[in-house]
Structure formats: structure tokens, C-alpha cells
Protein backbone atom coordinates (compact mmCIF):
# COMPACT_ATOMS: atom_id res chain seq x y z
CA MET A 1 113.76 115.53 117.80
CA ALA A 2 114.52 115.44 114.00
CA LEU A 3 113.47 112.24 112.18
CA VAL A 4 115.59 110.96 109.28
CA ALA A 5 113.79 110.60 106.30
CA ALA A 6 117.19 109.59 103.97
CA VAL A 7 117.65 106.02 103.16
CA LEU A 8 120.60 104.75 105.23
CA VAL A 9 122.41 101.89 103.01
CA VAL A 10 124.92 99.57 104.90
CA LEU A 11 127.02 97.16 103.19
CA ALA A 12 127.26 93.94 105.41
CA GLY A 13 129.71 91.18 105.22
CA ALA A 14 128.83 87.90 103.73
CA GLY A 15 130.60 86.46 106.72
CA GLY A 16 130.14 83.10 108.35
CA ALA A 17 126.97 82.11 106.12
CA GLY A 18 129.45 80.58 103.72
CA GLY A 19 127.52 78.90 101.04
CA ALA A 20 124.21 78.35 102.90
CA ALA A 21 121.56 77.11 100.50
CA LEU A 22 118.55 79.45 99.66
CA ASN A 23 117.93 76.79 97.27
CA SER A 24 117.99 73.21 99.20
CA GLY A 25 117.69 71.53 95.92
CA ALA A 26 121.15 72.84 94.80
CA GLY A 27 124.49 70.98 95.46
CA GLY A 28 125.00 67.77 97.10
CA GLY A 29 126.34 66.61 100.61
CA GLY A 30 124.51 65.48 103.54
CA ALA A 31 123.58 68.94 104.62
CA ALA A 32 120.92 69.10 102.09
CA ALA A 33 118.84 66.42 104.02
CA ALA A 34 115.87 67.20 105.87
CA PRO A 35 116.18 71.19 105.22
CA VAL A 36 112.88 71.86 106.96
CA GLN A 37 113.60 70.52 110.05
CA SER A 38 117.33 72.05 110.21
CA ILE A 39 115.46 75.31 109.74
CA GLY A 40 113.19 74.65 112.33
CA VAL A 41 116.07 73.97 114.77
CA ARG A 42 117.92 76.96 113.87
CA LYS A 43 115.11 79.34 114.14
CA TRP A 44 114.99 79.43 117.76
CA ASP A 45 118.95 80.77 117.82
CA ALA A 46 118.11 83.05 115.44
CA LYS A 47 115.28 84.32 117.20
CA ARG A 48 117.27 85.13 120.20
CA ALA A 49 120.18 86.57 118.07
CA ALA A 50 117.44 89.02 116.22
CA ARG A 51 116.04 89.88 119.70
CA GLY A 52 119.36 91.03 120.86
CA GLY A 53 119.59 93.25 117.75
CA ASP A 54 122.18 90.98 115.68
CA ALA A 55 120.58 90.50 112.15
CA GLU A 56 123.25 89.05 110.38
CA GLY A 57 123.88 86.56 113.44
CA ALA A 58 120.32 85.86 113.11
CA MET A 59 120.34 85.02 109.43
CA GLY A 60 123.37 83.45 110.11
CA HIS A 61 121.97 80.65 112.25
CA LEU A 62 119.39 80.18 109.14
CA GLY A 63 122.48 79.37 107.14
CA VAL A 64 122.19 82.65 105.03
CA GLY A 65 123.95 86.06 104.89
CA ILE A 66 123.12 89.69 104.47
CA SER A 67 124.91 91.35 101.52
CA LYS A 68 123.27 94.89 102.06
CA GLN A 69 120.71 96.39 104.11
CA ALA A 70 118.95 99.85 103.97
CA VAL A 71 116.76 101.80 106.80
CA LYS A 72 114.76 104.64 106.60
CA GLN A 73 113.25 106.83 109.54
CA GLU A 74 110.03 108.84 108.86
CA LEU A 75 106.62 109.72 110.10
CA ASP A 76 104.21 109.56 107.39
CA CYS A 77 102.46 106.37 107.68
CA LEU A 78 99.77 107.28 105.57
CA GLU A 79 101.76 108.46 102.40
CA ASN A 80 103.66 104.83 103.01
CA SER A 81 100.64 102.56 102.96
CA PHE A 82 97.65 101.61 101.12
CA GLY A 83 94.19 99.75 101.21
CA GLN A 84 92.24 99.56 104.58
CA VAL A 85 95.69 100.05 106.25
CA ARG A 86 95.88 103.72 104.87
CA ASP A 87 92.31 104.16 105.92
CA PHE A 88 93.30 103.26 109.50
CA PHE A 89 96.13 105.78 109.40
CA ALA A 90 93.63 108.68 108.11
CA ALA A 91 91.52 108.11 111.22
CA THR A 92 94.49 107.01 113.69
CA PRO A 93 98.11 108.51 112.95
CA CYS A 94 100.97 106.71 113.83
CA THR A 95 103.87 108.55 115.75
CA SER A 96 106.77 107.00 114.02
CA LEU A 97 107.63 104.74 111.02
CA ASP A 98 110.58 102.90 110.69
CA ARG A 99 111.54 100.91 107.60
CA LEU A 100 114.32 98.24 107.06
CA LEU A 101 115.17 96.18 103.97
CA LEU A 102 117.41 93.35 103.90
CA ALA A 103 119.10 91.72 100.88
CA VAL A 104 120.04 88.01 101.86
CA GLY A 105 121.90 85.88 99.43
CA ASP A 106 124.10 82.71 98.94
CA GLN A 107 127.08 82.24 96.99
CA ALA A 108 124.88 80.48 94.07
CA GLY A 109 123.36 83.70 93.25
CA ASN A 110 120.08 82.98 94.95
CA ALA A 111 119.04 85.83 96.79
CA ALA A 112 115.65 87.35 98.86
CA LEU A 113 114.28 90.55 100.35
CA VAL A 114 113.58 90.72 103.93
CA SER A 115 111.08 94.07 104.80
CA VAL A 116 110.86 94.92 108.37
CA VAL A 117 108.41 97.65 109.17
CA TRP A 118 108.17 99.08 112.52
CA VAL A 119 104.92 101.12 113.17
CA THR A 120 104.06 103.12 116.52
CA PHE A 121 101.15 104.87 117.74
CA PRO A 122 100.25 106.76 120.51
CA GLY A 123 98.66 104.18 122.97
CA ARG A 124 98.29 100.27 123.25
CA ASN A 125 94.76 100.31 122.20
CA GLN A 126 95.54 101.78 118.51
CA ALA A 127 98.11 99.40 118.26
CA ARG A 128 95.96 96.37 118.96
CA GLN A 129 93.49 97.53 116.46
CA PHE A 130 96.07 98.41 113.85
CA ASP A 131 96.85 94.70 114.35
CA ARG A 132 93.73 93.12 113.75
CA VAL A 133 93.69 95.48 110.35
CA ILE A 134 97.07 94.42 109.24
CA ASP A 135 96.86 90.71 109.57
CA VAL A 136 93.78 90.28 107.68
CA ALA A 137 94.71 89.07 103.77
CA GLY A 138 93.87 91.72 101.44
CA SER A 139 93.73 94.56 103.91
CA GLY A 140 96.43 96.53 102.46
CA ASP A 141 100.15 97.16 103.81
CA VAL A 142 102.71 99.75 104.80
CA LYS A 143 104.77 100.01 101.57
CA PRO A 144 108.21 98.04 102.20
CA LEU A 145 111.01 99.84 100.79
CA PRO A 146 112.29 99.17 97.22
CA GLY A 147 114.48 96.61 96.23
CA GLY A 148 116.72 99.24 94.61
CA VAL A 149 117.76 100.65 97.69
CA VAL A 150 119.90 97.53 98.69
CA GLY A 151 120.76 96.71 94.82
CA LEU A 152 118.29 93.87 93.96
CA PRO A 153 114.89 94.13 91.42
CA ASP A 154 111.89 95.53 93.13
CA VAL A 155 109.64 92.62 93.75
CA HIS A 156 105.97 92.58 94.72
CA PHE A 157 105.32 91.73 98.41
CA THR A 158 102.49 89.35 98.50
CA ALA A 159 102.03 88.79 102.28
CA ALA A 160 102.62 84.99 101.47
CA HIS A 161 105.59 85.18 103.94
CA TYR A 162 104.32 87.34 106.58
CA TRP A 163 104.87 87.72 110.50
CA SER A 164 103.81 90.42 113.15
CA GLU A 165 104.68 91.21 116.61
CA ILE A 166 103.09 93.71 118.80
CA LYS A 167 104.94 94.98 121.87
CA ASP A 168 103.45 97.93 123.95
CA THR A 169 102.76 100.84 121.15
CA THR A 170 104.69 99.32 118.50
CA ILE A 171 104.04 96.89 115.82
CA THR A 172 106.46 94.95 113.94
CA ILE A 173 105.47 93.76 110.14
CA ALA A 174 108.18 91.43 108.58
CA GLU A 175 107.97 90.04 105.18
CA SER A 176 110.01 87.94 102.63
CA GLU A 177 110.09 87.39 99.01
CA PRO A 178 112.61 85.84 96.55
CA ALA A 179 114.59 88.13 94.36
CA THR A 180 116.74 86.08 92.30
CA GLY A 181 117.10 82.53 91.72
CA HIS A 182 115.19 80.30 93.75
CA VAL A 183 114.41 80.29 97.54
CA GLU A 184 112.64 77.69 99.41
CA PRO A 185 109.34 78.85 100.85
CA ASP A 186 110.06 77.25 104.25
CA LEU A 187 113.31 79.53 104.36
CA LEU A 188 111.34 82.49 103.52
CA ASP A 189 108.99 81.76 106.29
CA ALA A 190 111.58 81.53 108.63
CA MET A 191 113.58 84.46 107.63
CA THR A 192 110.33 86.44 108.18
CA GLU A 193 109.51 85.05 111.62
CA VAL A 194 113.15 85.64 112.70
CA ALA A 195 113.11 89.20 111.13
CA ALA A 196 109.86 90.23 113.01
CA GLN A 197 112.14 90.00 116.27
CA LEU A 198 114.40 92.46 115.68
CA PRO A 199 114.34 95.60 117.92
CA ARG A 200 113.56 98.86 116.08
CA PRO A 201 116.61 100.58 114.66
């Protein structure tokens, strides 16, 4: 069947996230107390929503909203990677590549980009081998979609906020970076871990 090469951009309602702070230092009120514990508690419900394919609900559990998202489905893993990761694809081609980019923001203008990449291989052994390569710091990456596709500035994904999951022949790679304003590192970590639970589009 034909693979879709165009980027599909979806406007998401800001929805029930309200003014949940990406910057826990902003604003008064008791909700700002113990933000790390709050994120840790909410993360489990967020993961459950993500596994069910509800990205907005998942981020809502973390207290943030998705303003826009873009997805691209294609096949060329080699063209869309670099470093040792690209070398791996040269020897072991993937069978599919899906990339998702979420623009996550709050009402104060703080925003983050959350990238999710799904790479599928012919067999489980190749997926496990790839997992061992991609999880090494400095080994390269599958290129996330650029921030411009969701209306935010391009950022350099550093893998400082990184999570991967492997299931059968597919590995999911999630990364997050702040885009505008200030985003707490603990929240970036939580969004990344939760996003890695999303099923392939």
C-alpha cells in the first residue's frame, strides 16, 4: 500500500489543560507546591491515556495542552537519520518510519516540542539491535520533524529528555525540548516518557 509522504498538521483544542504551568515557578497558588511529586503521580494516568492513543488526554493528565500536531509517514529511514544510527540503517533498512511532532503550551506563552518516532524492522532481532544503537548518547538520531510544521521555532533535539520503548518489531523514540519561554526539566522528562507510550498513527 502507498505510504503517505506529506505532513499532516492537525489543530488541537487547548482543551481541559487550562493554564497548567510549563514553568512551575510562575504564578501563585497552592498548586505550585511540590511540582515534581505532582508530575510523578499524574504520569501513570497519562501513560494509560497515551497507550490508548489519546495524546491530548495524556498531556492533560500532566497539566498541559496540545495546540497543534503534525504527522508524517514514509519509508526512508536512511535519509532521515544521521551518525551511527544512519550507518545502522545503511546495513539494516527499516520497513516503515512514522514521525509525530506535538506543540505543547500553556496560557503564559511557555511551549515545548515533543517528538515521537516509530521505526519498524523486518524482525525483532533487528529492532533489538537498533535499540542498542539509538540508546547510546552521541550515536546519532532519527531526525524529528522541524518545529515549523507546528508553528514553533526549530529546536535542536539534544536527547537530554529522551525515552525509548520496544514492542515486537517496532521501536518508539520520544524526545522533548523547550521551544519558547521556560519549561521545567522534570515536566519535559515526563512528557517524553508519556509520549513514548503512544501507538503508531
